[in-house]
């Protein structure tokens, strides 16, 4: 389990380095985005809730689309905001397309 934790910590450190933030700040950001994203998803499935317009995450449609894509790559069945694994081939493709460039 320690090896797994170390790899996840390394992942947050690398992503944080790309965006010039610490691993802890980057992990916290993803947790906060996840919470907001889940609230939006729940409201989209609630009958009678107004769903006019595109959903936004932190007032950004682009951020919502990017997080939705990230979430679908890493959590196709739903789940926690914390990564349970470090990388897959699909995850590598996502990282190359949307994070590194």
PDB file of N, CA and C in Angstrom:
ATOM      1  N   UNK A   1       0.824  -1.196   0.000  1.00  0.00           N
ATOM      2  CA  UNK A   1       0.000   0.000   0.000  1.00  0.00           C
ATOM      3  C   UNK A   1       0.869   1.263   0.000  1.00  0.00           C
ATOM      4  N   UNK A   2       2.017   1.231   0.664  1.00  0.00           N
ATOM      5  CA  UNK A   2       2.876   2.406   0.709  1.00  0.00           C
ATOM      6  C   UNK A   2       3.387   2.761  -0.678  1.00  0.00           C
ATOM      7  N   UNK A   3       3.716   1.731  -1.477  1.00  0.00           N
ATOM      8  CA  UNK A   3       4.206   1.968  -2.831  1.00  0.00           C
ATOM      9  C   UNK A   3       3.118   2.645  -3.672  1.00  0.00           C
ATOM     10  N   UNK A   4       1.887   2.189  -3.523  1.00  0.00           N
ATOM     11  CA  UNK A   4       0.766   2.786  -4.254  1.00  0.00           C
ATOM     12  C   UNK A   4       0.588   4.246  -3.861  1.00  0.00           C
ATOM     13  N   UNK A   5       0.637   4.524  -2.553  1.00  0.00           N
ATOM     14  CA  UNK A   5       0.502   5.894  -2.060  1.00  0.00           C
ATOM     15  C   UNK A   5       1.611   6.769  -2.617  1.00  0.00           C
ATOM     16  N   UNK A   6       2.827   6.236  -2.655  1.00  0.00           N
ATOM     17  CA  UNK A   6       3.965   7.005  -3.158  1.00  0.00           C
ATOM     18  C   UNK A   6       3.769   7.361  -4.630  1.00  0.00           C
ATOM     19  N   UNK A   7       3.257   6.425  -5.432  1.00  0.00           N
ATOM     20  CA  UNK A   7       3.031   6.692  -6.849  1.00  0.00           C
ATOM     21  C   UNK A   7       1.955   7.762  -7.042  1.00  0.00           C
ATOM     22  N   UNK A   8       0.884   7.710  -6.255  1.00  0.00           N
ATOM     23  CA  UNK A   8      -0.163   8.728  -6.348  1.00  0.00           C
ATOM     24  C   UNK A   8       0.388  10.081  -5.924  1.00  0.00           C
ATOM     25  N   UNK A   9       1.197  10.105  -4.872  1.00  0.00           N
ATOM     26  CA  UNK A   9       1.826  11.357  -4.428  1.00  0.00           C
ATOM     27  C   UNK A   9       2.736  11.914  -5.520  1.00  0.00           C
ATOM     28  N   UNK A  10       3.469  11.026  -6.199  1.00  0.00           N
ATOM     29  CA  UNK A  10       4.327  11.461  -7.298  1.00  0.00           C
ATOM     30  C   UNK A  10       3.492  12.051  -8.433  1.00  0.00           C
ATOM     31  N   UNK A  11       2.328  11.461  -8.689  1.00  0.00           N
ATOM     32  CA  UNK A  11       1.439  11.972  -9.729  1.00  0.00           C
ATOM     33  C   UNK A  11       1.032  13.410  -9.407  1.00  0.00           C
ATOM     34  N   UNK A  12       0.564  13.649  -8.167  1.00  0.00           N
ATOM     35  CA  UNK A  12       0.150  15.008  -7.790  1.00  0.00           C
ATOM     36  C   UNK A  12       1.323  15.973  -7.859  1.00  0.00           C
ATOM     37  N   UNK A  13       2.509  15.504  -7.513  1.00  0.00           N
ATOM     38  CA  UNK A  13       3.689  16.357  -7.579  1.00  0.00           C
ATOM     39  C   UNK A  13       3.990  16.745  -9.025  1.00  0.00           C
ATOM     40  N   UNK A  14       3.904  15.787  -9.949  1.00  0.00           N
ATOM     41  CA  UNK A  14       4.165  16.084 -11.358  1.00  0.00           C
ATOM     42  C   UNK A  14       3.129  17.026 -11.935  1.00  0.00           C
ATOM     43  N   UNK A  15       1.857  16.758 -11.666  1.00  0.00           N
ATOM     44  CA  UNK A  15       0.803  17.649 -12.170  1.00  0.00           C
ATOM     45  C   UNK A  15       0.964  19.028 -11.559  1.00  0.00           C
ATOM     46  N   UNK A  16       1.230  19.097 -10.265  1.00  0.00           N
ATOM     47  CA  UNK A  16       1.451  20.385  -9.607  1.00  0.00           C
ATOM     48  C   UNK A  16       2.619  21.141 -10.194  1.00  0.00           C
ATOM     49  N   UNK A  17       3.692  20.423 -10.548  1.00  0.00           N
ATOM     50  CA  UNK A  17       4.853  21.065 -11.164  1.00  0.00           C
ATOM     51  C   UNK A  17       4.530  21.676 -12.510  1.00  0.00           C
ATOM     52  N   UNK A  18       3.653  21.015 -13.261  1.00  0.00           N
ATOM     53  CA  UNK A  18       3.260  21.519 -14.580  1.00  0.00           C
ATOM     54  C   UNK A  18       2.511  22.844 -14.444  1.00  0.00           C
ATOM     55  N   UNK A  19       1.679  22.957 -13.408  1.00  0.00           N
ATOM     56  CA  UNK A  19       0.873  24.167 -13.233  1.00  0.00           C
ATOM     57  C   UNK A  19       1.444  25.097 -12.166  1.00  0.00           C
ATOM     58  N   UNK A  20       2.684  24.850 -11.755  1.00  0.00           N
ATOM     59  CA  UNK A  20       3.408  25.693 -10.787  1.00  0.00           C
ATOM     60  C   UNK A  20       2.710  25.794  -9.431  1.00  0.00           C
ATOM     61  N   UNK A  21       2.250  24.657  -8.920  1.00  0.00           N
ATOM     62  CA  UNK A  21       1.662  24.595  -7.582  1.00  0.00           C
ATOM     63  C   UNK A  21       2.195  23.353  -6.887  1.00  0.00           C
ATOM     64  N   UNK A  22       2.055  23.322  -5.579  1.00  0.00           N
ATOM     65  CA  UNK A  22       2.518  22.159  -4.827  1.00  0.00           C
ATOM     66  C   UNK A  22       1.578  20.983  -5.061  1.00  0.00           C
ATOM     67  N   UNK A  23       2.056  19.799  -4.726  1.00  0.00           N
ATOM     68  CA  UNK A  23       1.240  18.591  -4.858  1.00  0.00           C
ATOM     69  C   UNK A  23      -0.020  18.705  -4.001  1.00  0.00           C
ATOM     70  N   UNK A  24       0.126  19.218  -2.788  1.00  0.00           N
ATOM     71  CA  UNK A  24      -1.017  19.343  -1.881  1.00  0.00           C
ATOM     72  C   UNK A  24      -2.057  20.321  -2.434  1.00  0.00           C
ATOM     73  N   UNK A  25      -1.600  21.448  -2.979  1.00  0.00           N
ATOM     74  CA  UNK A  25      -2.531  22.422  -3.564  1.00  0.00           C
ATOM     75  C   UNK A  25      -3.273  21.826  -4.756  1.00  0.00           C
ATOM     76  N   UNK A  26      -2.558  21.077  -5.593  1.00  0.00           N
ATOM     77  CA  UNK A  26      -3.169  20.481  -6.772  1.00  0.00           C
ATOM     78  C   UNK A  26      -4.189  19.431  -6.370  1.00  0.00           C
ATOM     79  N   UNK A  27      -3.850  18.593  -5.400  1.00  0.00           N
ATOM     80  CA  UNK A  27      -4.784  17.575  -4.923  1.00  0.00           C
ATOM     81  C   UNK A  27      -6.025  18.219  -4.318  1.00  0.00           C
ATOM     82  N   UNK A  28      -5.845  19.278  -3.547  1.00  0.00           N
ATOM     83  CA  UNK A  28      -6.980  19.992  -2.952  1.00  0.00           C
ATOM     84  C   UNK A  28      -7.863  20.610  -4.027  1.00  0.00           C
ATOM     85  N   UNK A  29      -7.261  21.179  -5.057  1.00  0.00           N
ATOM     86  CA  UNK A  29      -8.028  21.743  -6.161  1.00  0.00           C
ATOM     87  C   UNK A  29      -8.907  20.680  -6.800  1.00  0.00           C
ATOM     88  N   UNK A  30      -8.337  19.512  -7.088  1.00  0.00           N
ATOM     89  CA  UNK A  30      -9.122  18.439  -7.698  1.00  0.00           C
ATOM     90  C   UNK A  30     -10.243  17.970  -6.783  1.00  0.00           C
ATOM     91  N   UNK A  31      -9.995  17.910  -5.489  1.00  0.00           N
ATOM     92  CA  UNK A  31     -11.046  17.534  -4.533  1.00  0.00           C
ATOM     93  C   UNK A  31     -12.182  18.555  -4.573  1.00  0.00           C
ATOM     94  N   UNK A  32     -11.828  19.847  -4.573  1.00  0.00           N
ATOM     95  CA  UNK A  32     -12.840  20.895  -4.598  1.00  0.00           C
ATOM     96  C   UNK A  32     -13.615  20.901  -5.912  1.00  0.00           C
ATOM     97  N   UNK A  33     -12.911  20.720  -7.028  1.00  0.00           N
ATOM     98  CA  UNK A  33     -13.591  20.633  -8.321  1.00  0.00           C
ATOM     99  C   UNK A  33     -14.535  19.438  -8.346  1.00  0.00           C
ATOM    100  N   UNK A  34     -14.103  18.335  -7.751  1.00  0.00           N
ATOM    101  CA  UNK A  34     -14.934  17.136  -7.717  1.00  0.00           C
ATOM    102  C   UNK A  34     -16.230  17.383  -6.956  1.00  0.00           C
ATOM    103  N   UNK A  35     -16.126  18.054  -5.821  1.00  0.00           N
ATOM    104  CA  UNK A  35     -17.315  18.352  -5.020  1.00  0.00           C
ATOM    105  C   UNK A  35     -18.301  19.203  -5.812  1.00  0.00           C
ATOM    106  N   UNK A  36     -17.804  20.254  -6.441  1.00  0.00           N
ATOM    107  CA  UNK A  36     -18.662  21.124  -7.242  1.00  0.00           C
ATOM    108  C   UNK A  36     -19.241  20.374  -8.441  1.00  0.00           C
ATOM    109  N   UNK A  37     -18.409  19.558  -9.074  1.00  0.00           N
ATOM    110  CA  UNK A  37     -18.845  18.759 -10.227  1.00  0.00           C
ATOM    111  C   UNK A  37     -19.976  17.807  -9.826  1.00  0.00           C
ATOM    112  N   UNK A  38     -19.838  17.145  -8.682  1.00  0.00           N
ATOM    113  CA  UNK A  38     -20.874  16.219  -8.223  1.00  0.00           C
ATOM    114  C   UNK A  38     -22.187  16.941  -7.945  1.00  0.00           C
ATOM    115  N   UNK A  39     -22.123  18.136  -7.392  1.00  0.00           N
ATOM    116  CA  UNK A  39     -23.354  18.915  -7.153  1.00  0.00           C
ATOM    117  C   UNK A  39     -24.052  19.237  -8.465  1.00  0.00           C
ATOM    118  N   UNK A  40     -23.272  19.592  -9.473  1.00  0.00           N
ATOM    119  CA  UNK A  40     -23.845  19.889 -10.790  1.00  0.00           C
ATOM    120  C   UNK A  40     -24.482  18.639 -11.373  1.00  0.00           C
ATOM    121  N   UNK A  41     -23.775  17.509 -11.300  1.00  0.00           N
ATOM    122  CA  UNK A  41     -24.293  16.253 -11.846  1.00  0.00           C
ATOM    123  C   UNK A  41     -25.594  15.848 -11.157  1.00  0.00           C
ATOM    124  N   UNK A  42     -25.652  15.994  -9.852  1.00  0.00           N
ATOM    125  CA  UNK A  42     -26.869  15.663  -9.104  1.00  0.00           C
ATOM    126  C   UNK A  42     -28.014  16.561  -9.542  1.00  0.00           C
ATOM    127  N   UNK A  43     -27.748  17.853  -9.677  1.00  0.00           N
ATOM    128  CA  UNK A  43     -28.816  18.771 -10.080  1.00  0.00           C
ATOM    129  C   UNK A  43     -29.295  18.482 -11.497  1.00  0.00           C
ATOM    130  N   UNK A  44     -28.419  17.975 -12.363  1.00  0.00           N
ATOM    131  CA  UNK A  44     -28.818  17.642 -13.726  1.00  0.00           C
ATOM    132  C   UNK A  44     -29.774  16.454 -13.763  1.00  0.00           C
ATOM    133  N   UNK A  45     -29.712  15.621 -12.745  1.00  0.00           N
ATOM    134  CA  UNK A  45     -30.565  14.429 -12.697  1.00  0.00           C
ATOM    135  C   UNK A  45     -31.779  14.608 -11.799  1.00  0.00           C
ATOM    136  N   UNK A  46     -31.980  15.814 -11.289  1.00  0.00           N
ATOM    137  CA  UNK A  46     -33.108  16.085 -10.416  1.00  0.00           C
ATOM    138  C   UNK A  46     -34.261  16.635 -11.246  1.00  0.00           C
ATOM    139  N   UNK A  47     -35.387  15.983 -11.152  1.00  0.00           N
ATOM    140  CA  UNK A  47     -36.562  16.396 -11.916  1.00  0.00           C
ATOM    141  C   UNK A  47     -37.032  17.774 -11.463  1.00  0.00           C
ATOM    142  N   UNK A  48     -37.352  18.624 -12.426  1.00  0.00           N
ATOM    143  CA  UNK A  48     -37.870  19.951 -12.135  1.00  0.00           C
ATOM    144  C   UNK A  48     -36.819  21.025 -11.988  1.00  0.00           C
ATOM    145  N   UNK A  49     -35.559  20.660 -12.018  1.00  0.00           N
ATOM    146  CA  UNK A  49     -34.484  21.643 -11.900  1.00  0.00           C
ATOM    147  C   UNK A  49     -34.253  22.258 -13.272  1.00  0.00           C
ATOM    148  N   UNK A  50     -34.109  23.566 -13.297  1.00  0.00           N
ATOM    149  CA  UNK A  50     -33.874  24.265 -14.558  1.00  0.00           C
ATOM    150  C   UNK A  50     -32.490  23.889 -15.096  1.00  0.00           C
ATOM    151  N   UNK A  51     -32.463  23.413 -16.317  1.00  0.00           N
ATOM    152  CA  UNK A  51     -31.193  23.008 -16.923  1.00  0.00           C
ATOM    153  C   UNK A  51     -30.963  23.744 -18.238  1.00  0.00           C
ATOM    154  N   UNK A  52     -31.347  25.005 -18.289  1.00  0.00           N
ATOM    155  CA  UNK A  52     -31.141  25.811 -19.485  1.00  0.00           C
ATOM    156  C   UNK A  52     -29.670  26.218 -19.544  1.00  0.00           C
ATOM    157  N   UNK A  53     -29.080  26.093 -20.703  1.00  0.00           N
ATOM    158  CA  UNK A  53     -27.673  26.472 -20.868  1.00  0.00           C
ATOM    159  C   UNK A  53     -26.751  25.333 -20.523  1.00  0.00           C
ATOM    160  N   UNK A  54     -25.486  25.549 -20.835  1.00  0.00           N
ATOM    161  CA  UNK A  54     -24.457  24.549 -20.575  1.00  0.00           C
ATOM    162  C   UNK A  54     -24.023  24.612 -19.107  1.00  0.00           C
ATOM    163  N   UNK A  55     -23.694  23.462 -18.521  1.00  0.00           N
ATOM    164  CA  UNK A  55     -23.200  23.487 -17.144  1.00  0.00           C
ATOM    165  C   UNK A  55     -21.830  24.152 -17.075  1.00  0.00           C
ATOM    166  N   UNK A  56     -21.554  24.796 -15.963  1.00  0.00           N
ATOM    167  CA  UNK A  56     -20.261  25.444 -15.769  1.00  0.00           C
ATOM    168  C   UNK A  56     -19.645  24.979 -14.459  1.00  0.00           C
ATOM    169  N   UNK A  57     -18.342  24.964 -14.435  1.00  0.00           N
ATOM    170  CA  UNK A  57     -17.593  24.639 -13.231  1.00  0.00           C
ATOM    171  C   UNK A  57     -16.731  25.855 -12.946  1.00  0.00           C
ATOM    172  N   UNK A  58     -16.963  26.468 -11.806  1.00  0.00           N
ATOM    173  CA  UNK A  58     -16.286  27.730 -11.468  1.00  0.00           C
ATOM    174  C   UNK A  58     -16.500  28.775 -12.559  1.00  0.00           C
ATOM    175  N   UNK A  59     -17.741  28.857 -13.026  1.00  0.00           N
ATOM    176  CA  UNK A  59     -18.190  29.810 -14.051  1.00  0.00           C
ATOM    177  C   UNK A  59     -17.503  29.623 -15.403  1.00  0.00           C
ATOM    178  N   UNK A  60     -17.059  28.418 -15.695  1.00  0.00           N
ATOM    179  CA  UNK A  60     -16.391  28.151 -16.960  1.00  0.00           C
ATOM    180  C   UNK A  60     -16.948  26.872 -17.585  1.00  0.00           C
ATOM    181  N   UNK A  61     -17.491  27.014 -18.797  1.00  0.00           N
ATOM    182  CA  UNK A  61     -17.960  25.837 -19.528  1.00  0.00           C
ATOM    183  C   UNK A  61     -16.777  24.960 -19.922  1.00  0.00           C
ATOM    184  N   UNK A  62     -15.661  25.587 -20.308  1.00  0.00           N
ATOM    185  CA  UNK A  62     -14.463  24.844 -20.708  1.00  0.00           C
ATOM    186  C   UNK A  62     -13.927  23.980 -19.570  1.00  0.00           C
ATOM    187  N   UNK A  63     -13.902  24.546 -18.368  1.00  0.00           N
ATOM    188  CA  UNK A  63     -13.419  23.793 -17.213  1.00  0.00           C
ATOM    189  C   UNK A  63     -14.347  22.627 -16.922  1.00  0.00           C
ATOM    190  N   UNK A  64     -15.653  22.844 -17.052  1.00  0.00           N
ATOM    191  CA  UNK A  64     -16.601  21.746 -16.837  1.00  0.00           C
ATOM    192  C   UNK A  64     -16.352  20.613 -17.833  1.00  0.00           C
ATOM    193  N   UNK A  65     -16.191  20.945 -19.101  1.00  0.00           N
ATOM    194  CA  UNK A  65     -15.957  19.934 -20.130  1.00  0.00           C
ATOM    195  C   UNK A  65     -14.647  19.196 -19.860  1.00  0.00           C
ATOM    196  N   UNK A  66     -13.596  19.915 -19.497  1.00  0.00           N
ATOM    197  CA  UNK A  66     -12.300  19.298 -19.220  1.00  0.00           C
ATOM    198  C   UNK A  66     -12.390  18.366 -18.009  1.00  0.00           C
ATOM    199  N   UNK A  67     -13.070  18.825 -16.943  1.00  0.00           N
ATOM    200  CA  UNK A  67     -13.182  17.980 -15.750  1.00  0.00           C
ATOM    201  C   UNK A  67     -14.071  16.774 -16.032  1.00  0.00           C
ATOM    202  N   UNK A  68     -15.125  16.971 -16.815  1.00  0.00           N
ATOM    203  CA  UNK A  68     -16.010  15.868 -17.187  1.00  0.00           C
ATOM    204  C   UNK A  68     -15.219  14.800 -17.946  1.00  0.00           C
ATOM    205  N   UNK A  69     -14.351  15.230 -18.841  1.00  0.00           N
ATOM    206  CA  UNK A  69     -13.508  14.302 -19.588  1.00  0.00           C
ATOM    207  C   UNK A  69     -12.520  13.597 -18.648  1.00  0.00           C
ATOM    208  N   UNK A  70     -11.872  14.354 -17.782  1.00  0.00           N
ATOM    209  CA  UNK A  70     -10.960  13.776 -16.793  1.00  0.00           C
ATOM    210  C   UNK A  70     -11.686  12.732 -15.957  1.00  0.00           C
ATOM    211  N   UNK A  71     -12.871  13.068 -15.473  1.00  0.00           N
ATOM    212  CA  UNK A  71     -13.642  12.170 -14.616  1.00  0.00           C
ATOM    213  C   UNK A  71     -14.039  10.904 -15.366  1.00  0.00           C
ATOM    214  N   UNK A  72     -14.434  11.047 -16.611  1.00  0.00           N
ATOM    215  CA  UNK A  72     -14.857   9.869 -17.376  1.00  0.00           C
ATOM    216  C   UNK A  72     -13.670   8.951 -17.698  1.00  0.00           C
ATOM    217  N   UNK A  73     -12.465   9.515 -17.849  1.00  0.00           N
ATOM    218  CA  UNK A  73     -11.285   8.693 -18.108  1.00  0.00           C
ATOM    219  C   UNK A  73     -10.895   7.902 -16.859  1.00  0.00           C
ATOM    220  N   UNK A  74     -10.837   8.571 -15.716  1.00  0.00           N
ATOM    221  CA  UNK A  74     -10.360   7.926 -14.511  1.00  0.00           C
ATOM    222  C   UNK A  74     -11.442   7.221 -13.707  1.00  0.00           C
ATOM    223  N   UNK A  75     -12.678   7.631 -13.846  1.00  0.00           N
ATOM    224  CA  UNK A  75     -13.754   7.067 -13.042  1.00  0.00           C
ATOM    225  C   UNK A  75     -14.975   6.753 -13.898  1.00  0.00           C
ATOM    226  N   UNK A  76     -14.859   5.820 -14.838  1.00  0.00           N
ATOM    227  CA  UNK A  76     -16.001   5.528 -15.707  1.00  0.00           C
ATOM    228  C   UNK A  76     -17.224   5.027 -14.939  1.00  0.00           C
ATOM    229  N   UNK A  77     -17.025   4.458 -13.752  1.00  0.00           N
ATOM    230  CA  UNK A  77     -18.134   3.976 -12.930  1.00  0.00           C
ATOM    231  C   UNK A  77     -18.461   4.939 -11.789  1.00  0.00           C
ATOM    232  N   UNK A  78     -17.859   6.126 -11.780  1.00  0.00           N
ATOM    233  CA  UNK A  78     -18.035   7.062 -10.674  1.00  0.00           C
ATOM    234  C   UNK A  78     -17.000   6.781  -9.600  1.00  0.00           C
ATOM    235  N   UNK A  79     -16.933   7.627  -8.588  1.00  0.00           N
ATOM    236  CA  UNK A  79     -15.995   7.355  -7.506  1.00  0.00           C
ATOM    237  C   UNK A  79     -15.472   8.604  -6.843  1.00  0.00           C
ATOM    238  N   UNK A  80     -14.458   8.401  -6.039  1.00  0.00           N
ATOM    239  CA  UNK A  80     -13.840   9.452  -5.244  1.00  0.00           C
ATOM    240  C   UNK A  80     -13.055  10.420  -6.117  1.00  0.00           C
ATOM    241  N   UNK A  81     -12.755  11.581  -5.553  1.00  0.00           N
ATOM    242  CA  UNK A  81     -11.944  12.571  -6.270  1.00  0.00           C
ATOM    243  C   UNK A  81     -10.469  12.207  -6.241  1.00  0.00           C
ATOM    244  N   UNK A  82     -10.076  11.283  -5.364  1.00  0.00           N
ATOM    245  CA  UNK A  82      -8.681  10.885  -5.279  1.00  0.00           C
ATOM    246  C   UNK A  82      -8.393   9.784  -6.280  1.00  0.00           C
ATOM    247  N   UNK A  83      -7.247   9.876  -6.927  1.00  0.00           N
ATOM    248  CA  UNK A  83      -6.864   8.855  -7.887  1.00  0.00           C
ATOM    249  C   UNK A  83      -6.631   7.525  -7.178  1.00  0.00           C
ATOM    250  N   UNK A  84      -7.189   6.460  -7.745  1.00  0.00           N
ATOM    251  CA  UNK A  84      -6.964   5.142  -7.176  1.00  0.00           C
ATOM    252  C   UNK A  84      -5.841   4.427  -7.913  1.00  0.00           C
ATOM    253  N   UNK A  85      -5.411   4.970  -9.024  1.00  0.00           N
ATOM    254  CA  UNK A  85      -4.288   4.441  -9.775  1.00  0.00           C
ATOM    255  C   UNK A  85      -3.567   5.608 -10.413  1.00  0.00           C
ATOM    256  N   UNK A  86      -2.385   5.368 -10.887  1.00  0.00           N
ATOM    257  CA  UNK A  86      -1.579   6.460 -11.398  1.00  0.00           C
ATOM    258  C   UNK A  86      -1.812   6.709 -12.873  1.00  0.00           C
ATOM    259  N   UNK A  87      -1.709   5.691 -13.716  1.00  0.00           N
ATOM    260  CA  UNK A  87      -1.814   5.961 -15.141  1.00  0.00           C
ATOM    261  C   UNK A  87      -2.191   4.693 -15.892  1.00  0.00           C
ATOM    262  N   UNK A  88      -2.957   4.898 -16.941  1.00  0.00           N
ATOM    263  CA  UNK A  88      -3.266   3.832 -17.888  1.00  0.00           C
ATOM    264  C   UNK A  88      -2.968   4.382 -19.273  1.00  0.00           C
ATOM    265  N   UNK A  89      -3.120   3.553 -20.272  1.00  0.00           N
ATOM    266  CA  UNK A  89      -2.901   4.043 -21.634  1.00  0.00           C
ATOM    267  C   UNK A  89      -3.885   5.158 -21.960  1.00  0.00           C
ATOM    268  N   UNK A  90      -5.151   4.974 -21.561  1.00  0.00           N
ATOM    269  CA  UNK A  90      -6.163   6.010 -21.791  1.00  0.00           C
ATOM    270  C   UNK A  90      -5.810   7.278 -21.031  1.00  0.00           C
ATOM    271  N   UNK A  91      -5.357   7.115 -19.789  1.00  0.00           N
ATOM    272  CA  UNK A  91      -4.963   8.265 -18.988  1.00  0.00           C
ATOM    273  C   UNK A  91      -3.779   9.000 -19.592  1.00  0.00           C
ATOM    274  N   UNK A  92      -2.860   8.265 -20.144  1.00  0.00           N
ATOM    275  CA  UNK A  92      -1.703   8.884 -20.792  1.00  0.00           C
ATOM    276  C   UNK A  92      -2.148   9.717 -21.984  1.00  0.00           C
ATOM    277  N   UNK A  93      -3.072   9.184 -22.773  1.00  0.00           N
ATOM    278  CA  UNK A  93      -3.601   9.929 -23.923  1.00  0.00           C
ATOM    279  C   UNK A  93      -4.268  11.221 -23.444  1.00  0.00           C
ATOM    280  N   UNK A  94      -5.079  11.138 -22.380  1.00  0.00           N
ATOM    281  CA  UNK A  94      -5.751  12.313 -21.828  1.00  0.00           C
ATOM    282  C   UNK A  94      -4.727  13.347 -21.387  1.00  0.00           C
ATOM    283  N   UNK A  95      -3.716  12.904 -20.645  1.00  0.00           N
ATOM    284  CA  UNK A  95      -2.704  13.817 -20.130  1.00  0.00           C
ATOM    285  C   UNK A  95      -1.968  14.511 -21.266  1.00  0.00           C
ATOM    286  N   UNK A  96      -1.614  13.764 -22.304  1.00  0.00           N
ATOM    287  CA  UNK A  96      -0.910  14.356 -23.444  1.00  0.00           C
ATOM    288  C   UNK A  96      -1.779  15.388 -24.169  1.00  0.00           C
ATOM    289  N   UNK A  97      -3.056  15.067 -24.349  1.00  0.00           N
ATOM    290  CA  UNK A  97      -3.939  15.956 -25.114  1.00  0.00           C
ATOM    291  C   UNK A  97      -4.363  17.201 -24.348  1.00  0.00           C
ATOM    292  N   UNK A  98      -4.687  17.044 -23.064  1.00  0.00           N
ATOM    293  CA  UNK A  98      -5.345  18.133 -22.362  1.00  0.00           C
ATOM    294  C   UNK A  98      -4.534  18.793 -21.256  1.00  0.00           C
ATOM    295  N   UNK A  99      -3.495  18.149 -20.787  1.00  0.00           N
ATOM    296  CA  UNK A  99      -2.755  18.743 -19.672  1.00  0.00           C
ATOM    297  C   UNK A  99      -1.375  19.211 -20.123  1.00  0.00           C
ATOM    298  N   UNK A 100      -0.670  18.391 -20.838  1.00  0.00           N
ATOM    299  CA  UNK A 100       0.715  18.727 -21.157  1.00  0.00           C
ATOM    300  C   UNK A 100       0.850  19.709 -22.296  1.00  0.00           C
ATOM    301  N   UNK A 101      -0.143  19.848 -23.170  1.00  0.00           N
ATOM    302  CA  UNK A 101       0.005  20.730 -24.326  1.00  0.00           C
ATOM    303  C   UNK A 101      -1.000  21.825 -24.335  1.00  0.00           C
TER     304      UNK A 101
END
